[in-house]
C-alpha atoms as a PDB file:
ATOM      1  CA  MET A   1      -0.057   5.863 -20.528  1.00  0.00           C
ATOM      2  CA  ILE A   2       1.888   7.893 -18.089  1.00  0.00           C
ATOM      3  CA  TYR A   3      -1.060  10.573 -18.318  1.00  0.00           C
ATOM      4  CA  THR A   4      -3.652   8.072 -17.452  1.00  0.00           C
ATOM      5  CA  LEU A   5      -1.581   6.844 -14.450  1.00  0.00           C
ATOM      6  CA  GLY A   6      -0.930  10.196 -13.030  1.00  0.00           C
ATOM      7  CA  ASP A   7      -4.690  10.834 -13.526  1.00  0.00           C
ATOM      8  CA  LEU A   8      -5.391   7.934 -11.566  1.00  0.00           C
ATOM      9  CA  TRP A   9      -2.924   8.525  -8.826  1.00  0.00           C
ATOM     10  CA  HIS A  10      -4.241  12.049  -8.579  1.00  0.00           C
ATOM     11  CA  SER A  11      -7.926  10.962  -8.338  1.00  0.00           C
ATOM     12  CA  VAL A  12      -7.337   8.298  -5.709  1.00  0.00           C
ATOM     13  CA  GLY A  13      -5.260  10.760  -3.597  1.00  0.00           C
ATOM     14  CA  GLY A  14      -7.619  13.458  -3.858  1.00  0.00           C
ATOM     15  CA  ALA A  15     -10.718  11.134  -2.925  1.00  0.00           C
ATOM     16  CA  GLY A  16      -8.750   9.763  -0.200  1.00  0.00           C
ATOM     17  CA  LEU A  17      -7.788  12.910   1.245  1.00  0.00           C
ATOM     18  CA  ALA A  18     -11.386  14.315   1.057  1.00  0.00           C
ATOM     19  CA  TYR A  19     -12.696  11.213   2.800  1.00  0.00           C
ATOM     20  CA  ASP A  20      -9.912  10.709   5.383  1.00  0.00           C
ATOM     21  CA  LEU A  21      -9.726  14.411   6.736  1.00  0.00           C
ATOM     22  CA  ALA A  22     -13.522  14.817   7.056  1.00  0.00           C
ATOM     23  CA  ARG A  23     -15.423  14.349  10.372  1.00  0.00           C
ATOM     24  CA  PRO A  24     -17.373  11.140  10.229  1.00  0.00           C
ATOM     25  CA  ASP A  25     -20.610  13.302   9.955  1.00  0.00           C
ATOM     26  CA  ALA A  26     -19.244  15.631   7.304  1.00  0.00           C
ATOM     27  CA  ILE A  27     -17.863  13.163   4.842  1.00  0.00           C
ATOM     28  CA  GLY A  28     -20.608  14.075   2.113  1.00  0.00           C
ATOM     29  CA  ALA A  29     -19.869  17.894   2.532  1.00  0.00           C
ATOM     30  CA  TYR A  30     -16.115  17.216   2.059  1.00  0.00           C
ATOM     31  CA  GLN A  31     -16.703  15.149  -0.968  1.00  0.00           C
ATOM     32  CA  GLY A  32     -18.894  17.761  -2.389  1.00  0.00           C
ATOM     33  CA  MET A  33     -16.440  20.496  -1.980  1.00  0.00           C
ATOM     34  CA  ASP A  34     -13.711  18.321  -3.596  1.00  0.00           C
ATOM     35  CA  GLN A  35     -16.035  17.890  -6.513  1.00  0.00           C
ATOM     36  CA  LEU A  36     -16.945  21.599  -6.651  1.00  0.00           C
ATOM     37  CA  ILE A  37     -13.320  22.630  -6.473  1.00  0.00           C
ATOM     38  CA  GLY A  38     -12.445  19.931  -9.220  1.00  0.00           C
ATOM     39  CA  GLY A  39     -15.173  21.469 -11.510  1.00  0.00           C
ATOM     40  CA  LEU A  40     -13.762  24.975 -10.999  1.00  0.00           C
ATOM     41  CA  VAL A  41     -10.295  23.766 -12.060  1.00  0.00           C
ATOM     42  CA  ARG A  42     -11.743  22.057 -15.090  1.00  0.00           C
ATOM     43  CA  ALA A  43     -13.715  25.206 -15.966  1.00  0.00           C
ATOM     44  CA  ALA A  44     -10.946  27.669 -15.429  1.00  0.00           C
ATOM     45  CA  GLY A  45      -7.944  25.690 -16.148  1.00  0.00           C
ATOM     46  CA  PRO A  46      -8.222  25.657 -20.095  1.00  0.00           C
ATOM     47  CA  ALA A  47      -8.562  29.406 -20.021  1.00  0.00           C
ATOM     48  CA  LEU A  48      -5.722  29.794 -17.758  1.00  0.00           C
ATOM     49  CA  LEU A  49      -3.359  27.620 -19.913  1.00  0.00           C
ATOM     50  CA  SER A  50      -4.480  29.009 -23.194  1.00  0.00           C
ATOM     51  CA  LEU A  51      -3.229  32.315 -21.772  1.00  0.00           C
ATOM     52  CA  LEU A  52      -0.089  31.098 -20.313  1.00  0.00           C
ATOM     53  CA  ILE A  53       1.086  28.487 -22.960  1.00  0.00           C
ATOM     54  CA  LEU A  54      -0.705  29.272 -26.265  1.00  0.00           C
ATOM     55  CA  SER A  55       0.717  32.811 -26.251  1.00  0.00           C
ATOM     56  CA  GLY A  56       3.796  31.007 -27.432  1.00  0.00           C
ATOM     57  CA  THR A  57       6.198  32.733 -24.886  1.00  0.00           C
ATOM     58  CA  THR A  58       8.700  31.087 -22.787  1.00  0.00           C
ATOM     59  CA  ALA A  59       7.403  33.167 -19.973  1.00  0.00           C
ATOM     60  CA  GLY A  60       4.102  31.330 -20.034  1.00  0.00           C
ATOM     61  CA  TRP A  61       5.790  27.803 -20.024  1.00  0.00           C
ATOM     62  CA  VAL A  62       8.023  28.898 -17.049  1.00  0.00           C
ATOM     63  CA  ALA A  63       4.736  30.325 -15.086  1.00  0.00           C
ATOM     64  CA  THR A  64       2.979  27.250 -15.743  1.00  0.00           C
ATOM     65  CA  ALA A  65       5.961  25.005 -14.420  1.00  0.00           C
ATOM     66  CA  VAL A  66       6.232  27.176 -11.404  1.00  0.00           C
ATOM     67  CA  LEU A  67       2.628  27.049 -10.595  1.00  0.00           C
ATOM     68  CA  PHE A  68       2.796  23.112 -10.729  1.00  0.00           C
ATOM     69  CA  ALA A  69       5.895  22.907  -8.691  1.00  0.00           C
ATOM     70  CA  ILE A  70       4.561  25.018  -5.953  1.00  0.00           C
ATOM     71  CA  ALA A  71       1.442  23.110  -5.745  1.00  0.00           C
ATOM     72  CA  GLY A  72       3.234  19.824  -5.717  1.00  0.00           C
ATOM     73  CA  LEU A  73       5.894  21.014  -3.146  1.00  0.00           C
ATOM     74  CA  LEU A  74       2.991  22.333  -0.756  1.00  0.00           C
ATOM     75  CA  ALA A  75       0.789  19.495  -0.924  1.00  0.00           C
ATOM     76  CA  PRO A  76       2.619  16.953   1.118  1.00  0.00           C
ATOM     77  CA  GLY A  77       3.207  19.686   3.829  1.00  0.00           C
ATOM     78  CA  LEU A  78      -0.361  20.911   3.831  1.00  0.00           C
ATOM     79  CA  THR A  79      -1.521  17.213   3.992  1.00  0.00           C
ATOM     80  CA  ARG A  80       0.601  16.486   7.193  1.00  0.00           C
ATOM     81  CA  TRP A  81      -0.733  19.800   8.736  1.00  0.00           C
ATOM     82  CA  ALA A  82      -4.373  18.779   8.036  1.00  0.00           C
ATOM     83  CA  GLU A  83      -3.869  15.416   9.484  1.00  0.00           C
ATOM     84  CA  ARG A  84      -2.154  16.636  12.699  1.00  0.00           C
ATOM     85  CA  SER A  85      -4.707  19.359  13.223  1.00  0.00           C
ATOM     86  CA  ARG A  86      -7.760  17.028  13.419  1.00  0.00           C
ATOM     87  CA  PRO A  87      -9.254  16.622  16.562  1.00  0.00           C
ATOM     88  CA  PRO A  88      -8.494  13.258  18.548  1.00  0.00           C
ATOM     89  CA  ALA A  89     -12.133  12.186  18.251  1.00  0.00           C
ATOM     90  CA  VAL A  90     -11.979  12.371  14.378  1.00  0.00           C
ATOM     91  CA  LEU A  91      -8.777  10.498  14.410  1.00  0.00           C
ATOM     92  CA  ALA A  92     -10.332   7.536  16.365  1.00  0.00           C
ATOM     93  CA  ALA A  93     -13.539   7.433  14.176  1.00  0.00           C
ATOM     94  CA  VAL A  94     -11.474   7.514  11.120  1.00  0.00           C
ATOM     95  CA  ASN A  95      -9.070   4.627  12.414  1.00  0.00           C
ATOM     96  CA  ASN A  96     -11.704   2.352  13.517  1.00  0.00           C
END
């Protein structure tokens, strides 16, 4: 149940960012890039986790935890930066 809630939260947040950060004339391109990156992660993720975790070492678990922690800590700041760096015309079009 917790995994499902986390997955839903992640999916909604990612789709919202891909939509809200896009210029009105480029929403499809942003959504397409979001899906492409998601596909690459789903393709490479199992191999990476297999190398890191299934090796059975503590270092693999620590590396995975550090990777997730860094991504989680960087995401809010990067999102705020992306929102601040949009041109005013894009902000007006999105907010209307």
